[in-house]
Protein backbone atom coordinates (compact mmCIF):
# COMPACT_ATOMS: atom_id res chain seq x y z
CA MET A 1 0.00 0.01 0.02
CA ALA A 2 1.32 3.47 -0.80
CA GLU A 3 2.63 5.56 2.04
CA ASN A 4 -0.11 8.21 1.76
CA ALA A 5 -2.93 5.73 1.13
CA PRO A 6 -5.72 5.96 3.68
CA PRO A 7 -6.56 2.94 5.83
CA ARG A 8 -8.82 0.40 4.32
CA TRP A 9 -11.57 1.30 6.84
CA ASP A 10 -11.64 4.99 5.70
CA ARG A 11 -11.94 4.08 2.02
CA GLY A 12 -14.64 1.49 2.75
CA MET A 13 -16.50 3.88 4.97
CA GLN A 14 -16.57 6.57 2.27
CA GLN A 15 -17.79 4.12 -0.26
CA ARG A 16 -20.61 2.95 2.02
CA LEU A 17 -21.64 6.46 2.87
CA SER A 18 -21.54 7.39 -0.90
CA ARG A 19 -24.04 4.57 -1.48
CA GLY A 20 -26.32 5.96 1.18
CA GLU A 21 -25.87 3.13 3.81
CA ALA A 22 -27.42 4.47 6.98
CA ALA A 23 -25.61 1.72 8.89
CA ALA A 24 -22.35 3.17 7.82
CA LEU A 25 -23.26 6.54 9.29
CA GLY A 26 -24.21 4.82 12.59
CA GLU A 27 -20.92 2.99 12.62
CA MET A 28 -18.96 6.12 11.96
CA TYR A 29 -20.96 7.95 14.63
CA ASP A 30 -20.19 5.26 17.22
CA ARG A 31 -16.53 5.44 16.33
CA PHE A 32 -16.02 9.28 16.20
CA ALA A 33 -18.93 11.00 18.00
CA ALA A 34 -16.94 11.26 21.27
CA LEU A 35 -14.06 12.83 19.48
CA VAL A 36 -16.21 15.40 17.70
CA HIS A 37 -18.28 16.25 20.71
CA SER A 38 -15.28 16.63 23.06
CA GLN A 39 -13.34 18.77 20.58
CA ALA A 40 -16.37 21.03 20.05
CA ASN A 41 -17.09 21.24 23.71
CA ARG A 42 -13.43 22.15 24.50
CA MET A 43 -13.54 24.86 21.92
CA LEU A 44 -16.99 26.19 22.71
CA ASP A 45 -17.21 25.43 26.42
CA ASP A 46 -20.87 24.80 25.90
CA GLU A 47 -22.41 21.31 26.06
CA ASP A 48 -25.49 22.22 24.04
CA ALA A 49 -23.42 23.98 21.30
CA ALA A 50 -21.07 20.97 21.20
CA GLY A 51 -24.08 18.74 20.59
CA ALA A 52 -25.27 20.97 17.77
CA VAL A 53 -21.78 20.91 16.28
CA THR A 54 -21.73 17.18 16.48
CA ARG A 55 -25.09 16.89 14.67
CA GLU A 56 -23.98 19.44 12.10
CA VAL A 57 -20.70 17.67 11.35
CA PHE A 58 -22.36 14.22 10.98
CA GLY A 59 -25.15 15.71 8.96
CA TYR A 60 -22.60 17.31 6.64
CA VAL A 61 -20.77 13.97 6.26
CA TRP A 62 -24.07 12.24 5.43
CA GLU A 63 -25.02 14.76 2.80
CA ASN A 64 -21.52 15.19 1.37
CA PRO A 65 -19.44 11.99 1.69
CA ASP A 66 -17.59 12.62 -1.52
CA MET A 67 -16.06 15.75 0.02
CA TYR A 68 -13.76 13.49 2.00
CA ASP A 69 -10.50 13.14 0.05
CA PRO A 70 -8.64 10.01 1.26
CA LYS A 71 -5.46 11.35 -0.32
CA GLN A 72 -5.47 14.25 2.11
CA GLY A 73 -5.58 12.26 5.34
CA SER A 74 -7.68 9.95 7.50
CA MET A 75 -11.41 10.10 8.04
CA ARG A 76 -10.61 11.05 11.71
CA ALA A 77 -8.56 14.04 10.57
CA TRP A 78 -11.35 15.18 8.25
CA LEU A 79 -13.91 14.99 11.02
CA ALA A 80 -11.61 16.84 13.36
CA PHE A 81 -11.15 19.50 10.70
CA LEU A 82 -14.86 19.80 10.10
CA THR A 83 -15.43 20.07 13.81
CA HIS A 84 -12.85 22.82 14.17
CA ARG A 85 -14.29 24.85 11.31
CA GLU A 86 -17.84 24.65 12.61
CA SER A 87 -16.78 25.47 16.10
CA VAL A 88 -14.78 28.48 14.92
CA ARG A 89 -17.68 29.54 12.80
CA ARG A 90 -20.00 29.48 15.82
CA LEU A 91 -17.49 31.38 17.95
CA ARG A 92 -17.22 34.11 15.34
CA ALA A 93 -20.98 34.23 14.81
CA ALA A 94 -21.62 34.60 18.49
CA ALA A 95 -19.15 37.44 18.96
CA PRO A 96 -21.14 40.36 17.48
CA ASP A 97 -24.09 39.62 19.72
CA GLY A 98 -22.45 41.52 22.45
CA ASP A 99 -21.72 38.75 24.90
CA PRO A 100 -20.96 40.66 28.13
CA GLY A 101 -18.16 38.22 28.98
CA GLU A 102 -16.34 39.01 25.74
CA PRO A 103 -14.90 42.34 24.68
CA ASP A 104 -16.07 43.70 21.39
CA ASP A 105 -12.43 43.50 20.14
CA PRO A 106 -11.89 41.19 17.15
CA GLY A 107 -8.38 40.52 18.47
CA ALA A 108 -9.83 39.15 21.66
CA LEU A 109 -12.02 36.83 19.65
CA ASP A 110 -8.97 35.62 17.61
CA GLU A 111 -7.09 35.00 20.82
CA ARG A 112 -10.03 32.94 22.18
CA VAL A 113 -10.11 30.94 18.98
CA ARG A 114 -6.39 30.41 19.18
CA ARG A 115 -6.62 29.25 22.89
CA ALA A 116 -9.64 26.96 22.15
CA THR A 117 -7.89 25.49 19.12
CA ALA A 118 -4.70 24.76 21.10
CA ALA A 119 -6.73 23.25 24.00
CA ALA A 120 -8.69 20.98 21.53
CA ARG A 121 -5.43 20.02 19.89
CA ALA A 122 -3.91 19.13 23.24
CA ASP A 123 -6.91 17.01 24.17
CA TYR A 124 -6.49 15.17 20.79
CA ILE A 125 -2.78 14.69 21.37
CA VAL A 126 -3.41 13.25 24.89
CA SER A 127 -6.16 10.96 23.64
CA SER A 128 -4.13 9.61 20.80
CA MET A 129 -0.73 9.21 22.58
CA PRO A 130 0.35 5.77 23.61
CA ALA A 131 -1.17 4.56 26.86
CA PRO A 132 2.19 4.42 28.85
CA LEU A 133 2.80 8.10 28.13
CA ARG A 134 -0.79 9.10 28.90
CA ALA A 135 -0.64 7.10 32.20
CA ALA A 136 2.55 8.79 33.29
CA LEU A 137 1.23 12.30 32.54
CA GLU A 138 -2.00 11.54 34.41
CA LEU A 139 -0.17 10.33 37.45
CA ALA A 140 2.25 13.28 37.43
CA TYR A 141 -0.04 16.15 36.52
CA VAL A 142 -3.60 15.03 37.47
CA GLN A 143 -2.75 13.00 40.59
CA ARG A 144 0.21 15.25 41.43
CA ARG A 145 2.78 12.44 41.90
CA ASP A 146 6.49 13.17 41.47
CA TYR A 147 8.54 11.07 39.02
CA ARG A 148 9.58 8.68 41.71
CA GLN A 149 6.00 7.94 42.79
CA THR A 150 4.99 7.77 39.12
CA ALA A 151 7.66 5.17 38.48
CA ALA A 152 6.56 3.15 41.50
CA ASP A 153 2.89 3.25 40.46
CA LEU A 154 3.72 2.24 36.91
CA GLY A 155 6.26 -0.43 37.95
CA VAL A 156 9.01 1.08 35.88
CA THR A 157 12.44 2.59 36.67
CA GLU A 158 12.73 6.20 37.60
CA ASP A 159 14.60 6.85 34.33
CA GLU A 160 11.77 5.33 32.35
CA ALA A 161 9.24 7.38 34.23
CA ARG A 162 11.20 10.56 33.40
CA ARG A 163 11.54 9.49 29.83
CA ARG A 164 7.73 8.94 29.46
CA LEU A 165 7.00 12.29 31.13
CA ARG A 166 9.54 14.16 28.93
CA LEU A 167 8.20 12.58 25.73
CA GLY A 168 4.57 13.14 26.72
CA LEU A 169 5.27 16.82 27.45
CA GLN A 170 7.16 17.16 24.20
CA LEU A 171 4.11 15.83 22.34
CA LEU A 172 1.83 18.23 24.21
CA SER A 173 4.08 21.22 23.42
CA THR A 174 3.29 20.72 19.71
CA ALA A 175 -0.30 21.76 20.46
CA ARG A 176 0.65 25.43 20.24
CA THR A 177 3.24 25.10 17.44
CA ARG A 178 1.09 24.46 14.49
CA PRO A 179 0.57 26.31 11.23
CA ALA A 180 -1.18 29.65 11.45
CA GLU A 181 -4.53 29.65 13.29
CA GLY A 182 -7.39 28.69 11.08
CA ALA A 183 -5.12 27.19 8.43
CA PRO A 184 -6.74 23.90 7.42
CA PRO A 185 -4.82 20.81 6.63
CA PRO A 186 -3.84 20.58 2.99
CA GLY A 187 -6.87 19.79 0.86
CA TYR A 188 -9.36 20.39 3.59
CA GLY A 189 -10.29 23.91 2.68
CA ARG A 190 -13.95 23.16 2.20
CA ALA A 191 -16.11 24.66 4.96
CA LEU A 192 -19.37 23.21 6.22
């Protein structure tokens, strides 16, 4: 299989959706709804809005399955992109309404979008990192254990615990060092 070829599941799912198989949409929803909802909730900080974004994204996928380009990335990446775009659209649409908690400054809105995007990216990075790294970070930063306690809890050497923590933090640091805010992945420039 070519290096840039999408996984077989992604190709098969697109074909099933293109044929209008409702079961395919259900399967996709079961697999990715939590990702879409959590990303939207992290960006919007509103459970109801996150639910609306989730419905919007899956509705868009159902109506436009051929908009997914397997050559541009995985189905998961496409759904994350669609979620990001819809969440940013909602943030921008809500800004002119004069939300008392938000200044009327467009720069403040842009900063909020950047922070929300970085937070959503960090959530995605943590959820997709290998379990040993995730477990070490959780022990150290959620349960407030030092590297020695983390090593003991994980049953690894102190050097291994430090290595896992360092690698996990390096991965997380990439959440803020991405292309310019709002820049879609190549080929995913189609908005909802």
